[in-house]
Amino acid sequence: ENSNPKELISVYLSIGNRYVEKDNYAEAMKYYLGGIDLCEEYGIKQKLPNLYNNLGIVYLNTNNTEKALNLYSKALDLFNEQGDTMNVAGTTTNIGSIYIQLGQNEIAETYYQLGYDLFERYGSIEGMAHSQLKLGLLDLYKNDYVGAQKHLDTSIEIQKELEVIYSGSKSFFLAETHINLGIALLNL
């Protein structure tokens, strides 16, 4: 009863994120929805777009593209309102993934490229690398192995700039990029 609602919302968001990392989308959904309920109950907008975006990720990964797109759109509007340019870029990239699932590759490519451009403008090296990975995967899907190689090589080079010790999801990110580059090279 004495807990701070803002802190509790952040805790719900963090717990939901841990469940997403474990691919436990049902549990993640519970925490994201709980966080959204708290935001609405207390009129707190600060973490609401993050909750919408991450719940959108859950819906995307459970093939509910309509709900995911709706949530990403809400998140994008709120991130824009808050002037949160990095999350605008990330959500823009997420919207590209919706269009992949819908089979609308040209629209997906537009969103991925826009996400990359925004990440580049605001200096997010990791975001740039992730967007290049997404563009490379899209090219692989389209059997454009030359384009895939270009984007995946770029992603790897950008990841090298991060100069961090890769562990957990970061090492998977680099490994995923190398594996997909190998697929592209095998098909050239």
Protein backbone atom coordinates (compact mmCIF):
# COMPACT_ATOMS: atom_id res chain seq x y z
CA GLU A 1 0.00 0.00 0.00
CA ASN A 2 2.89 2.39 0.72
CA SER A 3 4.70 1.69 -2.56
CA ASN A 4 5.43 4.43 -5.02
CA PRO A 5 3.36 3.81 -8.19
CA LYS A 6 6.15 5.07 -10.50
CA GLU A 7 8.60 2.63 -8.95
CA LEU A 8 6.07 -0.19 -9.10
CA ILE A 9 5.44 0.52 -12.80
CA SER A 10 9.19 0.32 -13.44
CA VAL A 11 9.34 -2.99 -11.56
CA TYR A 12 6.45 -4.39 -13.64
CA LEU A 13 8.23 -3.28 -16.82
CA SER A 14 11.51 -4.89 -15.72
CA ILE A 15 9.87 -8.16 -14.71
CA GLY A 16 7.99 -8.27 -18.02
CA ASN A 17 11.29 -7.72 -19.84
CA ARG A 18 12.91 -10.65 -17.99
CA TYR A 19 10.04 -12.91 -19.05
CA VAL A 20 10.40 -11.79 -22.68
CA GLU A 21 14.11 -12.68 -22.52
CA LYS A 22 13.02 -16.18 -21.49
CA ASP A 23 10.35 -16.33 -24.24
CA ASN A 24 7.67 -16.59 -21.55
CA TYR A 25 5.21 -14.28 -23.26
CA ALA A 26 2.19 -15.16 -21.12
CA GLU A 27 3.95 -14.02 -17.94
CA ALA A 28 5.44 -10.98 -19.66
CA MET A 29 1.97 -9.98 -20.83
CA LYS A 30 0.63 -10.13 -17.26
CA TYR A 31 3.29 -7.71 -16.01
CA TYR A 32 3.02 -5.32 -18.95
CA LEU A 33 -0.78 -5.22 -18.62
CA GLY A 34 -0.41 -4.69 -14.87
CA GLY A 35 1.97 -1.80 -15.51
CA ILE A 36 -0.44 -0.28 -18.03
CA ASP A 37 -3.27 -0.57 -15.48
CA LEU A 38 -1.14 1.26 -12.89
CA CYS A 39 -0.25 4.00 -15.40
CA GLU A 40 -3.91 4.52 -16.16
CA GLU A 41 -5.00 4.35 -12.51
CA TYR A 42 -2.46 6.95 -11.38
CA GLY A 43 -2.32 9.05 -14.57
CA ILE A 44 1.38 8.34 -15.06
CA LYS A 45 2.48 8.55 -18.70
CA GLN A 46 6.26 8.28 -18.29
CA LYS A 47 6.62 4.49 -18.77
CA LEU A 48 3.35 3.95 -20.64
CA PRO A 49 4.91 4.00 -24.13
CA ASN A 50 7.59 1.51 -23.01
CA LEU A 51 4.87 -0.80 -21.73
CA TYR A 52 2.89 -0.46 -24.97
CA ASN A 53 6.00 -1.09 -27.07
CA ASN A 54 7.07 -4.14 -25.07
CA LEU A 55 3.55 -5.56 -25.03
CA GLY A 56 3.64 -5.05 -28.80
CA ILE A 57 6.77 -7.23 -28.89
CA VAL A 58 4.84 -9.94 -27.02
CA TYR A 59 1.97 -9.76 -29.51
CA LEU A 60 4.39 -9.74 -32.47
CA ASN A 61 6.11 -12.87 -31.13
CA THR A 62 2.76 -14.59 -30.63
CA ASN A 63 1.64 -13.72 -34.19
CA ASN A 64 -1.01 -11.20 -33.21
CA THR A 65 0.13 -8.54 -35.66
CA GLU A 66 -2.99 -6.37 -35.46
CA LYS A 67 -2.67 -5.89 -31.69
CA ALA A 68 1.09 -5.42 -32.01
CA LEU A 69 0.70 -2.69 -34.64
CA ASN A 70 -1.95 -0.93 -32.54
CA LEU A 71 0.33 -0.95 -29.48
CA TYR A 72 3.40 0.16 -31.45
CA SER A 73 1.36 3.04 -32.87
CA LYS A 74 0.28 4.13 -29.38
CA ALA A 75 3.87 3.85 -28.15
CA LEU A 76 5.20 5.82 -31.11
CA ASP A 77 2.72 8.66 -30.49
CA LEU A 78 3.65 8.85 -26.81
CA PHE A 79 7.40 8.61 -27.44
CA ASN A 80 7.04 11.48 -29.93
CA GLU A 81 5.05 13.49 -27.37
CA GLN A 82 7.78 12.89 -24.79
CA GLY A 83 10.57 13.75 -27.25
CA ASP A 84 12.14 10.32 -26.70
CA THR A 85 13.97 10.02 -30.01
CA MET A 86 15.79 6.75 -29.28
CA ASN A 87 12.57 4.95 -28.50
CA VAL A 88 10.92 6.52 -31.56
CA ALA A 89 13.70 4.89 -33.60
CA GLY A 90 13.31 1.52 -31.84
CA THR A 91 9.55 1.46 -32.19
CA THR A 92 9.84 2.46 -35.85
CA THR A 93 12.08 -0.57 -36.40
CA ASN A 94 9.60 -2.76 -34.51
CA ILE A 95 6.83 -1.62 -36.84
CA GLY A 96 8.97 -2.85 -39.73
CA SER A 97 8.84 -6.35 -38.20
CA ILE A 98 5.04 -6.22 -38.26
CA TYR A 99 5.10 -5.63 -42.00
CA ILE A 100 7.47 -8.60 -42.45
CA GLN A 101 4.83 -10.82 -40.82
CA LEU A 102 2.18 -9.27 -43.06
CA GLY A 103 4.30 -10.04 -46.15
CA GLN A 104 4.66 -6.35 -47.02
CA ASN A 105 8.41 -6.31 -47.46
CA GLU A 106 8.70 -2.90 -49.13
CA ILE A 107 6.89 -1.22 -46.24
CA ALA A 108 9.03 -3.19 -43.75
CA GLU A 109 12.18 -2.05 -45.52
CA THR A 110 11.03 1.57 -45.33
CA TYR A 111 10.50 1.28 -41.56
CA TYR A 112 13.80 -0.53 -41.01
CA GLN A 113 15.67 2.11 -43.01
CA LEU A 114 13.89 4.94 -41.19
CA GLY A 115 14.78 3.30 -37.86
CA TYR A 116 18.41 3.07 -38.97
CA ASP A 117 18.43 6.71 -40.06
CA LEU A 118 16.97 7.83 -36.73
CA PHE A 119 19.44 5.72 -34.74
CA GLU A 120 22.29 7.15 -36.81
CA ARG A 121 21.05 10.73 -36.34
CA TYR A 122 20.90 10.31 -32.57
CA GLY A 123 24.11 8.30 -32.23
CA SER A 124 22.83 4.89 -31.15
CA ILE A 125 25.48 2.51 -32.44
CA GLU A 126 23.66 -0.54 -31.08
CA GLY A 127 20.41 0.60 -32.71
CA MET A 128 22.21 1.10 -36.01
CA ALA A 129 23.67 -2.41 -35.81
CA HIS A 130 20.27 -3.89 -35.00
CA SER A 131 18.61 -2.07 -37.90
CA GLN A 132 21.31 -3.27 -40.30
CA LEU A 133 20.73 -6.83 -39.05
CA LYS A 134 16.99 -6.44 -39.74
CA LEU A 135 17.70 -5.09 -43.25
CA GLY A 136 20.06 -8.02 -43.87
CA LEU A 137 17.49 -10.55 -42.71
CA LEU A 138 14.92 -8.95 -44.98
CA ASP A 139 17.31 -9.24 -47.92
CA LEU A 140 17.92 -12.91 -47.04
CA TYR A 141 14.16 -13.47 -47.04
CA LYS A 142 13.98 -11.87 -50.50
CA ASN A 143 16.92 -14.04 -51.71
CA ASP A 144 18.97 -10.87 -52.26
CA TYR A 145 22.20 -12.36 -50.96
CA VAL A 146 24.41 -9.48 -52.12
CA GLY A 147 22.21 -6.98 -50.26
CA ALA A 148 22.11 -9.28 -47.24
CA GLN A 149 25.89 -9.52 -47.18
CA LYS A 150 26.21 -5.73 -47.35
CA HIS A 151 23.81 -5.12 -44.45
CA LEU A 152 25.12 -7.97 -42.29
CA ASP A 153 28.75 -6.94 -42.84
CA THR A 154 27.76 -3.40 -41.87
CA SER A 155 26.02 -4.69 -38.73
CA ILE A 156 29.11 -6.66 -37.71
CA GLU A 157 31.38 -3.67 -38.28
CA ILE A 158 29.09 -1.46 -36.22
CA GLN A 159 28.95 -4.08 -33.45
CA LYS A 160 32.75 -4.08 -33.34
CA GLU A 161 32.58 -0.32 -32.67
CA LEU A 162 30.57 -0.97 -29.54
CA GLU A 163 33.76 -2.26 -27.87
CA VAL A 164 31.84 -4.08 -25.18
CA ILE A 165 32.28 -7.56 -23.82
CA TYR A 166 29.54 -9.51 -25.53
CA SER A 167 27.54 -11.58 -23.11
CA GLY A 168 23.96 -12.77 -22.91
CA SER A 169 21.74 -11.20 -25.53
CA LYS A 170 24.62 -9.17 -26.97
CA SER A 171 26.65 -12.28 -27.80
CA PHE A 172 23.53 -13.83 -29.35
CA PHE A 173 23.05 -10.66 -31.42
CA LEU A 174 26.59 -10.92 -32.82
CA ALA A 175 26.28 -14.68 -33.35
CA GLU A 176 22.94 -14.25 -35.12
CA THR A 177 24.51 -11.70 -37.45
CA HIS A 178 27.46 -14.01 -38.26
CA ILE A 179 25.18 -17.00 -38.88
CA ASN A 180 23.01 -15.05 -41.28
CA LEU A 181 26.06 -13.64 -43.05
CA GLY A 182 27.22 -17.24 -43.52
CA ILE A 183 23.87 -18.13 -45.10
CA ALA A 184 24.17 -15.17 -47.46
CA LEU A 185 27.73 -16.09 -48.43
CA LEU A 186 26.80 -19.73 -49.06
CA ASN A 187 24.15 -18.56 -51.49
CA LEU A 188 26.30 -16.11 -53.48
